Amino acid sequence: MTQPVIIAMWSGPRNLSTALMRSFAQRRDTVAWDEPFYAAYLEATGLDHPMREEIIADGITDPHEVASRCLKVPAPPKSVYYQKHMTHHMIDGFPLGWAERVTNVFLLRSPERVLASYARKRESVAADDIGFSMQRRLFELTSAREGGKPVVIDSDDIRQQPEVALRALCSAIGIAFDPAMLSWKEGPAPEDGIWGSHWYDAIWKSTGFVPPEDDLPQLDGELAEIVEEVRPDYEFLRACKLPIN
C-alpha cells in the first residue's frame, strides 16, 4: 500500500504557484487544495482584497480547523495531498505545528517579476504582501526542526525545463514523476479557489508551463524599494534551491 504524502508548497503570490498546483492536480494519485488559510487570513486581518466577502463566505475562517484539515490524509486511491500555501497568510496566532507533520517545499520567483505581476492586479502593495520574509522564516524553522535544508524549487527552472525540474522535485520529495504533470486542459479547474475569476486569467488560458520569461522588468519608485527590502530573503532562499541538471 502506498504511503500517503502531504505536500505543503510555500509560495508568495504571482509565483507560478497556480500552474504548479494545476500540474500536480493532473496526477491520478493527487488531490489539491488551493490556499487553505486565505479566508481565515482575510477574516483575521480585515484586509480589503478583491472578492473579500465571497472568499470569507466560501472558505474556513477558523485557522485551527484549517490546520486540522491540512493533516487529513486523502482517501484511496488518492495518496498525495498537495496544498498550495501563501506564506503571508501565516500571521501571528495562526497554528504552525501541523507543518511539522508534512513535506514542506518552497517555491521561488524573482521579486521583480512577482511585483510587476502583482501590481497589475492590485493598486497598492507592501513587502508583507509578497511573503518573502515569512517564506525565509518558515524555511529556517523547517530546517532547524528537520536538521537539514528543505526543498526549494525555482519557478524559472520549471519554466526552462519543465520535465527535468518536475522529475527532480518529485525525486526530492519521494514520489514518482507522472508525465501527466506536464499539461492540462484550458479553463477553470475543480481545485481553483473561488478567487480564480480575479487572479487566474492567465492560467485559465494555458495548457502547460509557458516558456521562460524575458529580462527582468525594470521597476522604479515604491516597487523598486520593495525589491531591495525583500532581496536578502530571496537571495538566501535562492542559494538553497534544488539543482536542476
C-alpha atoms as a PDB file:
ATOM      1  CA  MET A   1       0.000   0.000   0.000  1.00  0.00           C
ATOM      2  CA  THR A   2       1.335   3.450  -0.963  1.00  0.00           C
ATOM      3  CA  GLN A   3       2.111   5.662   1.999  1.00  0.00           C
ATOM      4  CA  PRO A   4       0.210   8.979   1.874  1.00  0.00           C
ATOM      5  CA  VAL A   5       2.232  12.154   1.325  1.00  0.00           C
ATOM      6  CA  ILE A   6       1.069  15.624   2.347  1.00  0.00           C
ATOM      7  CA  ILE A   7       2.885  18.404   0.477  1.00  0.00           C
ATOM      8  CA  ALA A   8       2.808  21.992   1.727  1.00  0.00           C
ATOM      9  CA  MET A   9       4.060  24.113  -1.171  1.00  0.00           C
ATOM     10  CA  TRP A  10       5.012  27.500   0.324  1.00  0.00           C
ATOM     11  CA  SER A  11       4.940  30.407  -2.076  1.00  0.00           C
ATOM     12  CA  GLY A  12       4.233  34.081  -2.417  1.00  0.00           C
ATOM     13  CA  PRO A  13       1.615  35.385  -4.849  1.00  0.00           C
ATOM     14  CA  ARG A  14       2.199  35.630  -8.622  1.00  0.00           C
ATOM     15  CA  ASN A  15       4.828  32.927  -8.349  1.00  0.00           C
ATOM     16  CA  LEU A  16       3.874  30.101 -10.765  1.00  0.00           C
ATOM     17  CA  SER A  17       2.111  28.600  -7.757  1.00  0.00           C
ATOM     18  CA  THR A  18      -1.211  28.067  -9.510  1.00  0.00           C
ATOM     19  CA  ALA A  19       0.439  26.470 -12.531  1.00  0.00           C
ATOM     20  CA  LEU A  20       2.349  24.123 -10.229  1.00  0.00           C
ATOM     21  CA  MET A  21      -0.864  23.262  -8.381  1.00  0.00           C
ATOM     22  CA  ARG A  22      -2.518  22.583 -11.736  1.00  0.00           C
ATOM     23  CA  SER A  23       0.425  20.353 -12.666  1.00  0.00           C
ATOM     24  CA  PHE A  24       0.148  18.239  -9.513  1.00  0.00           C
ATOM     25  CA  ALA A  25      -3.635  18.034  -9.828  1.00  0.00           C
ATOM     26  CA  GLN A  26      -3.205  16.117 -13.113  1.00  0.00           C
ATOM     27  CA  ARG A  27      -1.732  13.180 -11.222  1.00  0.00           C
ATOM     28  CA  ARG A  28      -4.124  10.278 -10.684  1.00  0.00           C
ATOM     29  CA  ASP A  29      -2.900   9.907  -7.108  1.00  0.00           C
ATOM     30  CA  THR A  30      -3.269  13.555  -6.066  1.00  0.00           C
ATOM     31  CA  VAL A  31      -5.899  15.829  -4.572  1.00  0.00           C
ATOM     32  CA  ALA A  32      -5.108  19.563  -4.383  1.00  0.00           C
ATOM     33  CA  TRP A  33      -6.233  22.367  -2.057  1.00  0.00           C
ATOM     34  CA  ASP A  34      -5.850  25.993  -3.110  1.00  0.00           C
ATOM     35  CA  GLU A  35      -4.698  28.464  -0.401  1.00  0.00           C
ATOM     36  CA  PRO A  36      -6.281  26.784   2.628  1.00  0.00           C
ATOM     37  CA  PHE A  37      -5.771  29.728   5.025  1.00  0.00           C
ATOM     38  CA  TYR A  38      -6.970  32.530   2.715  1.00  0.00           C
ATOM     39  CA  ALA A  39     -10.431  33.019   4.246  1.00  0.00           C
ATOM     40  CA  ALA A  40      -9.029  32.840   7.782  1.00  0.00           C
ATOM     41  CA  TYR A  41      -6.331  35.359   6.861  1.00  0.00           C
ATOM     42  CA  LEU A  42      -8.841  37.850   5.473  1.00  0.00           C
ATOM     43  CA  GLU A  43     -11.179  37.429   8.424  1.00  0.00           C
ATOM     44  CA  ALA A  44      -8.370  37.895  10.967  1.00  0.00           C
ATOM     45  CA  THR A  45      -6.651  40.863   9.293  1.00  0.00           C
ATOM     46  CA  GLY A  46      -9.645  42.770   7.935  1.00  0.00           C
ATOM     47  CA  LEU A  47      -7.678  43.431   4.751  1.00  0.00           C
ATOM     48  CA  ASP A  48      -9.598  44.558   1.701  1.00  0.00           C
ATOM     49  CA  HIS A  49      -8.675  42.058  -1.004  1.00  0.00           C
ATOM     50  CA  PRO A  50     -10.544  41.527  -4.282  1.00  0.00           C
ATOM     51  CA  MET A  51     -13.601  39.304  -3.630  1.00  0.00           C
ATOM     52  CA  ARG A  52     -13.006  39.512   0.129  1.00  0.00           C
ATOM     53  CA  GLU A  53     -16.589  38.762   1.210  1.00  0.00           C
ATOM     54  CA  GLU A  54     -17.012  35.917  -1.266  1.00  0.00           C
ATOM     55  CA  ILE A  55     -13.758  34.297  -0.143  1.00  0.00           C
ATOM     56  CA  ILE A  56     -14.694  34.510   3.534  1.00  0.00           C
ATOM     57  CA  ALA A  57     -18.181  33.116   2.898  1.00  0.00           C
ATOM     58  CA  ASP A  58     -16.823  30.243   0.813  1.00  0.00           C
ATOM     59  CA  GLY A  59     -13.843  29.293   2.986  1.00  0.00           C
ATOM     60  CA  ILE A  60     -12.927  28.214   6.518  1.00  0.00           C
ATOM     61  CA  THR A  61     -12.267  31.157   8.833  1.00  0.00           C
ATOM     62  CA  ASP A  62     -11.056  29.186  11.864  1.00  0.00           C
ATOM     63  CA  PRO A  63      -7.289  28.702  11.330  1.00  0.00           C
ATOM     64  CA  HIS A  64      -7.208  25.763  13.740  1.00  0.00           C
ATOM     65  CA  GLU A  65      -9.833  23.943  11.697  1.00  0.00           C
ATOM     66  CA  VAL A  66      -7.831  24.663   8.557  1.00  0.00           C
ATOM     67  CA  ALA A  67      -4.702  23.262  10.205  1.00  0.00           C
ATOM     68  CA  SER A  68      -6.570  20.116  11.206  1.00  0.00           C
ATOM     69  CA  ARG A  69      -7.831  19.589   7.661  1.00  0.00           C
ATOM     70  CA  CYS A  70      -4.323  20.090   6.291  1.00  0.00           C
ATOM     71  CA  LEU A  71      -3.326  16.877   8.080  1.00  0.00           C
ATOM     72  CA  LYS A  72      -6.227  14.782   6.821  1.00  0.00           C
ATOM     73  CA  VAL A  73      -4.780  12.165   4.509  1.00  0.00           C
ATOM     74  CA  PRO A  74      -6.598  11.632   1.197  1.00  0.00           C
ATOM     75  CA  ALA A  75      -8.890   8.675   0.773  1.00  0.00           C
ATOM     76  CA  PRO A  76      -7.679   5.851  -1.526  1.00  0.00           C
ATOM     77  CA  PRO A  77      -6.979   5.651  -4.379  1.00  0.00           C
ATOM     78  CA  LYS A  78      -5.507   9.097  -3.750  1.00  0.00           C
ATOM     79  CA  SER A  79      -2.239   9.140  -1.801  1.00  0.00           C
ATOM     80  CA  VAL A  80      -0.801  12.645  -2.370  1.00  0.00           C
ATOM     81  CA  TYR A  81      -2.368  15.715  -0.754  1.00  0.00           C
ATOM     82  CA  TYR A  82      -0.974  18.824  -2.447  1.00  0.00           C
ATOM     83  CA  GLN A  83      -1.577  22.140  -0.684  1.00  0.00           C
ATOM     84  CA  LYS A  84      -0.751  25.489  -2.266  1.00  0.00           C
ATOM     85  CA  HIS A  85       0.034  27.778   0.686  1.00  0.00           C
ATOM     86  CA  MET A  86       0.712  31.517   0.619  1.00  0.00           C
ATOM     87  CA  THR A  87       3.430  32.317   3.167  1.00  0.00           C
ATOM     88  CA  HIS A  88       1.956  35.719   4.065  1.00  0.00           C
ATOM     89  CA  HIS A  89      -1.271  34.035   5.179  1.00  0.00           C
ATOM     90  CA  MET A  90       0.539  32.609   8.226  1.00  0.00           C
ATOM     91  CA  ILE A  91       0.100  35.594  10.532  1.00  0.00           C
ATOM     92  CA  ASP A  92       0.862  35.684  14.265  1.00  0.00           C
ATOM     93  CA  GLY A  93      -1.514  33.441  16.183  1.00  0.00           C
ATOM     94  CA  PHE A  94      -2.141  31.013  13.330  1.00  0.00           C
ATOM     95  CA  PRO A  95      -1.045  27.450  14.164  1.00  0.00           C
ATOM     96  CA  LEU A  96       2.148  26.159  12.587  1.00  0.00           C
ATOM     97  CA  GLY A  97       2.606  22.887  14.474  1.00  0.00           C
ATOM     98  CA  TRP A  98       0.788  20.989  11.733  1.00  0.00           C
ATOM     99  CA  ALA A  99       3.635  21.830   9.321  1.00  0.00           C
ATOM    100  CA  GLU A 100       5.934  19.578  11.343  1.00  0.00           C
ATOM    101  CA  ARG A 101       3.991  16.582  10.039  1.00  0.00           C
ATOM    102  CA  VAL A 102       4.054  17.326   6.306  1.00  0.00           C
ATOM    103  CA  THR A 103       6.587  17.631   3.482  1.00  0.00           C
ATOM    104  CA  ASN A 104       7.428  21.318   3.151  1.00  0.00           C
ATOM    105  CA  VAL A 105       8.617  22.722  -0.181  1.00  0.00           C
ATOM    106  CA  PHE A 106       9.420  26.344  -1.036  1.00  0.00           C
ATOM    107  CA  LEU A 107       8.668  27.862  -4.452  1.00  0.00           C
ATOM    108  CA  LEU A 108      10.681  30.906  -5.563  1.00  0.00           C
ATOM    109  CA  ARG A 109      10.334  33.623  -8.166  1.00  0.00           C
ATOM    110  CA  SER A 110      12.378  36.798  -8.530  1.00  0.00           C
ATOM    111  CA  PRO A 111      10.866  39.726  -6.586  1.00  0.00           C
ATOM    112  CA  GLU A 112      10.977  41.907  -9.705  1.00  0.00           C
ATOM    113  CA  ARG A 113       8.711  39.528 -11.589  1.00  0.00           C
ATOM    114  CA  VAL A 114       6.451  38.970  -8.576  1.00  0.00           C
ATOM    115  CA  LEU A 115       5.936  42.696  -8.027  1.00  0.00           C
ATOM    116  CA  ALA A 116       5.430  43.539 -11.696  1.00  0.00           C
ATOM    117  CA  SER A 117       2.704  40.891 -11.908  1.00  0.00           C
ATOM    118  CA  TYR A 118       1.127  41.699  -8.532  1.00  0.00           C
ATOM    119  CA  ALA A 119       0.942  45.428  -9.251  1.00  0.00           C
ATOM    120  CA  ARG A 120      -1.166  44.728 -12.336  1.00  0.00           C
ATOM    121  CA  LYS A 121      -3.828  43.151 -10.122  1.00  0.00           C
ATOM    122  CA  ARG A 122      -3.808  45.455  -7.071  1.00  0.00           C
ATOM    123  CA  GLU A 123      -3.437  49.210  -6.730  1.00  0.00           C
ATOM    124  CA  SER A 124      -1.186  49.048  -3.663  1.00  0.00           C
ATOM    125  CA  VAL A 125       1.400  46.553  -2.450  1.00  0.00           C
ATOM    126  CA  ALA A 126       3.701  46.194   0.566  1.00  0.00           C
ATOM    127  CA  ALA A 127       6.618  43.871   1.224  1.00  0.00           C
ATOM    128  CA  ASP A 128       4.500  41.708   3.529  1.00  0.00           C
ATOM    129  CA  ASP A 129       2.008  41.116   0.706  1.00  0.00           C
ATOM    130  CA  ILE A 130       4.517  39.115  -1.317  1.00  0.00           C
ATOM    131  CA  GLY A 131       5.688  36.886   1.507  1.00  0.00           C
ATOM    132  CA  PHE A 132       9.487  36.658   1.119  1.00  0.00           C
ATOM    133  CA  SER A 133      10.249  37.383   4.778  1.00  0.00           C
ATOM    134  CA  MET A 134       7.769  34.778   6.013  1.00  0.00           C
ATOM    135  CA  GLN A 135       8.967  32.298   3.411  1.00  0.00           C
ATOM    136  CA  ARG A 136      12.503  32.559   4.775  1.00  0.00           C
ATOM    137  CA  ARG A 137      11.239  32.282   8.350  1.00  0.00           C
ATOM    138  CA  LEU A 138       9.290  29.117   7.521  1.00  0.00           C
ATOM    139  CA  PHE A 139      12.303  27.694   5.696  1.00  0.00           C
ATOM    140  CA  GLU A 140      14.551  28.333   8.691  1.00  0.00           C
ATOM    141  CA  LEU A 141      12.019  26.839  11.111  1.00  0.00           C
ATOM    142  CA  THR A 142      11.710  23.732   8.944  1.00  0.00           C
ATOM    143  CA  SER A 143      15.465  23.463   8.536  1.00  0.00           C
ATOM    144  CA  ALA A 144      16.102  23.736  12.282  1.00  0.00           C
ATOM    145  CA  ARG A 145      13.410  21.173  13.068  1.00  0.00           C
ATOM    146  CA  GLU A 146      14.497  18.626  10.480  1.00  0.00           C
ATOM    147  CA  GLY A 147      18.222  19.139  10.777  1.00  0.00           C
ATOM    148  CA  GLY A 148      18.685  19.751   7.065  1.00  0.00           C
ATOM    149  CA  LYS A 149      17.626  22.006   4.243  1.00  0.00           C
ATOM    150  CA  PRO A 150      14.067  21.554   2.929  1.00  0.00           C
ATOM    151  CA  VAL A 151      13.458  21.552  -0.807  1.00  0.00           C
ATOM    152  CA  VAL A 152      13.475  24.892  -2.648  1.00  0.00           C
ATOM    153  CA  ILE A 153      12.377  24.951  -6.295  1.00  0.00           C
ATOM    154  CA  ASP A 154      12.848  27.951  -8.584  1.00  0.00           C
ATOM    155  CA  SER A 155       9.957  28.806 -10.904  1.00  0.00           C
ATOM    156  CA  ASP A 156      12.466  29.862 -13.588  1.00  0.00           C
ATOM    157  CA  ASP A 157      13.900  26.344 -13.592  1.00  0.00           C
ATOM    158  CA  ILE A 158      10.433  24.858 -14.042  1.00  0.00           C
ATOM    159  CA  ARG A 159       9.673  27.132 -16.985  1.00  0.00           C
ATOM    160  CA  GLN A 160      13.036  26.465 -18.630  1.00  0.00           C
ATOM    161  CA  GLN A 161      12.922  22.668 -18.311  1.00  0.00           C
ATOM    162  CA  PRO A 162       9.503  21.544 -17.042  1.00  0.00           C
ATOM    163  CA  GLU A 163      10.061  17.800 -17.189  1.00  0.00           C
ATOM    164  CA  VAL A 164      13.619  17.899 -15.831  1.00  0.00           C
ATOM    165  CA  ALA A 165      12.626  20.234 -12.985  1.00  0.00           C
ATOM    166  CA  LEU A 166       9.498  18.277 -12.066  1.00  0.00           C
ATOM    167  CA  ARG A 167      11.387  14.983 -12.113  1.00  0.00           C
ATOM    168  CA  ALA A 168      13.966  16.489  -9.755  1.00  0.00           C
ATOM    169  CA  LEU A 169      11.239  17.875  -7.485  1.00  0.00           C
ATOM    170  CA  CYS A 170       9.337  14.598  -7.321  1.00  0.00           C
ATOM    171  CA  SER A 171      12.527  12.682  -6.581  1.00  0.00           C
ATOM    172  CA  ALA A 172      13.458  15.129  -3.815  1.00  0.00           C
ATOM    173  CA  ILE A 173      10.116  14.684  -2.045  1.00  0.00           C
ATOM    174  CA  GLY A 174       9.906  10.939  -2.520  1.00  0.00           C
ATOM    175  CA  ILE A 175       7.170  10.488  -5.116  1.00  0.00           C
ATOM    176  CA  ALA A 176       7.290   9.177  -8.667  1.00  0.00           C
ATOM    177  CA  PHE A 177       7.169  11.616 -11.562  1.00  0.00           C
ATOM    178  CA  ASP A 178       3.993  11.422 -13.638  1.00  0.00           C
ATOM    179  CA  PRO A 179       4.126  12.685 -17.275  1.00  0.00           C
ATOM    180  CA  ALA A 180       0.545  13.929 -16.821  1.00  0.00           C
ATOM    181  CA  MET A 181       2.035  16.803 -14.796  1.00  0.00           C
ATOM    182  CA  LEU A 182       3.285  18.479 -17.971  1.00  0.00           C
ATOM    183  CA  SER A 183      -0.075  19.562 -19.401  1.00  0.00           C
ATOM    184  CA  TRP A 184      -3.687  20.294 -18.501  1.00  0.00           C
ATOM    185  CA  LYS A 185      -6.951  21.407 -20.046  1.00  0.00           C
ATOM    186  CA  GLU A 186      -7.624  25.080 -20.703  1.00  0.00           C
ATOM    187  CA  GLY A 187     -10.107  26.816 -18.395  1.00  0.00           C
ATOM    188  CA  PRO A 188     -11.075  26.693 -14.706  1.00  0.00           C
ATOM    189  CA  ALA A 189     -10.406  23.551 -12.679  1.00  0.00           C
ATOM    190  CA  PRO A 190     -12.128  21.993  -9.659  1.00  0.00           C
ATOM    191  CA  GLU A 191      -9.165  22.743  -7.371  1.00  0.00           C
ATOM    192  CA  ASP A 192      -9.221  26.504  -8.071  1.00  0.00           C
ATOM    193  CA  GLY A 193     -10.222  28.786  -5.234  1.00  0.00           C
ATOM    194  CA  ILE A 194     -13.276  30.996  -5.708  1.00  0.00           C
ATOM    195  CA  TRP A 195     -10.864  33.907  -6.306  1.00  0.00           C
ATOM    196  CA  GLY A 196      -9.762  32.339  -9.578  1.00  0.00           C
ATOM    197  CA  SER A 197     -12.042  34.604 -11.614  1.00  0.00           C
ATOM    198  CA  HIS A 198      -9.971  37.601 -10.480  1.00  0.00           C
ATOM    199  CA  TRP A 199      -6.448  36.171 -10.374  1.00  0.00           C
ATOM    200  CA  TYR A 200      -6.291  33.164 -12.712  1.00  0.00           C
ATOM    201  CA  ASP A 201      -6.957  34.587 -16.175  1.00  0.00           C
ATOM    202  CA  ALA A 202      -3.511  33.547 -17.436  1.00  0.00           C
ATOM    203  CA  ILE A 203      -3.623  30.011 -16.050  1.00  0.00           C
ATOM    204  CA  TRP A 204      -7.148  29.525 -17.426  1.00  0.00           C
ATOM    205  CA  LYS A 205      -5.788  30.304 -20.910  1.00  0.00           C
ATOM    206  CA  SER A 206      -2.847  27.908 -20.564  1.00  0.00           C
ATOM    207  CA  THR A 207      -2.448  24.196 -21.233  1.00  0.00           C
ATOM    208  CA  GLY A 208       1.025  23.791 -19.740  1.00  0.00           C
ATOM    209  CA  PHE A 209       4.024  25.676 -18.418  1.00  0.00           C
ATOM    210  CA  VAL A 210       4.806  28.677 -20.607  1.00  0.00           C
ATOM    211  CA  PRO A 211       8.364  29.302 -21.906  1.00  0.00           C
ATOM    212  CA  PRO A 212      10.962  31.244 -19.906  1.00  0.00           C
ATOM    213  CA  GLU A 213      10.412  34.952 -19.415  1.00  0.00           C
ATOM    214  CA  ASP A 214      12.450  37.787 -20.929  1.00  0.00           C
ATOM    215  CA  ASP A 215      14.827  40.036 -18.989  1.00  0.00           C
ATOM    216  CA  LEU A 216      13.763  41.165 -15.521  1.00  0.00           C
ATOM    217  CA  PRO A 217      11.287  44.065 -15.546  1.00  0.00           C
ATOM    218  CA  GLN A 218      12.700  47.455 -14.584  1.00  0.00           C
ATOM    219  CA  LEU A 219      10.818  48.815 -11.583  1.00  0.00           C
ATOM    220  CA  ASP A 220      11.004  52.232 -10.006  1.00  0.00           C
ATOM    221  CA  GLY A 221       9.612  54.156  -7.066  1.00  0.00           C
ATOM    222  CA  GLU A 222       7.913  52.172  -4.329  1.00  0.00           C
ATOM    223  CA  LEU A 223       8.140  48.886  -6.183  1.00  0.00           C
ATOM    224  CA  ALA A 224      11.925  49.217  -6.546  1.00  0.00           C
ATOM    225  CA  GLU A 225      12.186  49.941  -2.823  1.00  0.00           C
ATOM    226  CA  ILE A 226      10.236  46.788  -2.007  1.00  0.00           C
ATOM    227  CA  VAL A 227      12.539  44.741  -4.241  1.00  0.00           C
ATOM    228  CA  GLU A 228      15.541  45.913  -2.249  1.00  0.00           C
ATOM    229  CA  GLU A 229      13.737  45.234   1.031  1.00  0.00           C
ATOM    230  CA  VAL A 230      12.992  41.609   0.176  1.00  0.00           C
ATOM    231  CA  ARG A 231      16.115  40.837  -1.857  1.00  0.00           C
ATOM    232  CA  PRO A 232      18.161  39.424   1.080  1.00  0.00           C
ATOM    233  CA  ASP A 233      15.437  36.864   1.832  1.00  0.00           C
ATOM    234  CA  TYR A 234      15.116  35.939  -1.835  1.00  0.00           C
ATOM    235  CA  GLU A 235      18.865  35.527  -2.296  1.00  0.00           C
ATOM    236  CA  PHE A 236      19.112  33.451   0.885  1.00  0.00           C
ATOM    237  CA  LEU A 237      16.499  31.009  -0.396  1.00  0.00           C
ATOM    238  CA  ARG A 238      17.830  31.036  -3.938  1.00  0.00           C
ATOM    239  CA  ALA A 239      21.205  29.866  -2.650  1.00  0.00           C
ATOM    240  CA  CYS A 240      19.437  26.752  -1.311  1.00  0.00           C
ATOM    241  CA  LYS A 241      17.462  25.869  -4.422  1.00  0.00           C
ATOM    242  CA  LEU A 242      17.269  22.383  -5.859  1.00  0.00           C
ATOM    243  CA  PRO A 243      19.906  21.854  -8.584  1.00  0.00           C
ATOM    244  CA  ILE A 244      18.370  21.074 -11.957  1.00  0.00           C
ATOM    245  CA  ASN A 245      20.612  19.019 -14.225  1.00  0.00           C
END
